[in-house]
């Protein structure tokens, strides 16, 4: 079993899916805790869950997915990542509030926004944020 897990995590795409899945668990867990259990507003709950889960997402992608342990370019990567997150958050806010206005719930809105931003985020992170010039591309 250990060998299977080690081989699976050798592939960047599988590590990306793991990072995304674990980020989603954090995101939806916080959303549930804040919105449903503590009664906070949708905007506050989504915003807080988004901030915490994206901090985890950046660190997980930098060090685990793309195996980039260099700190000399971290500030540049973080700047690009924050620009990506700003775009993704705008999409999340618009889609989630659009779904709420149409009578849906906050979870449907968040799921719809994740589907919209998933591929865009992977491509930008792989090609512009965490790319390494000498690393061969996985197929």
Foldseek 3Di string as FASTA:
>chain_A
DVVVVVVQLVDLVSLLVVLVVVLVCQLVVQLCCVCVVVPDDLVVSNVVSLVVSVVSSVVSCCCRRLNPPDPPCVVVLVVLSVVLSVVLVVLLVVQQVVCVVVPHHNVVSNVVSCVVCVVVVVVCCDPPRRDDPVDDDDD
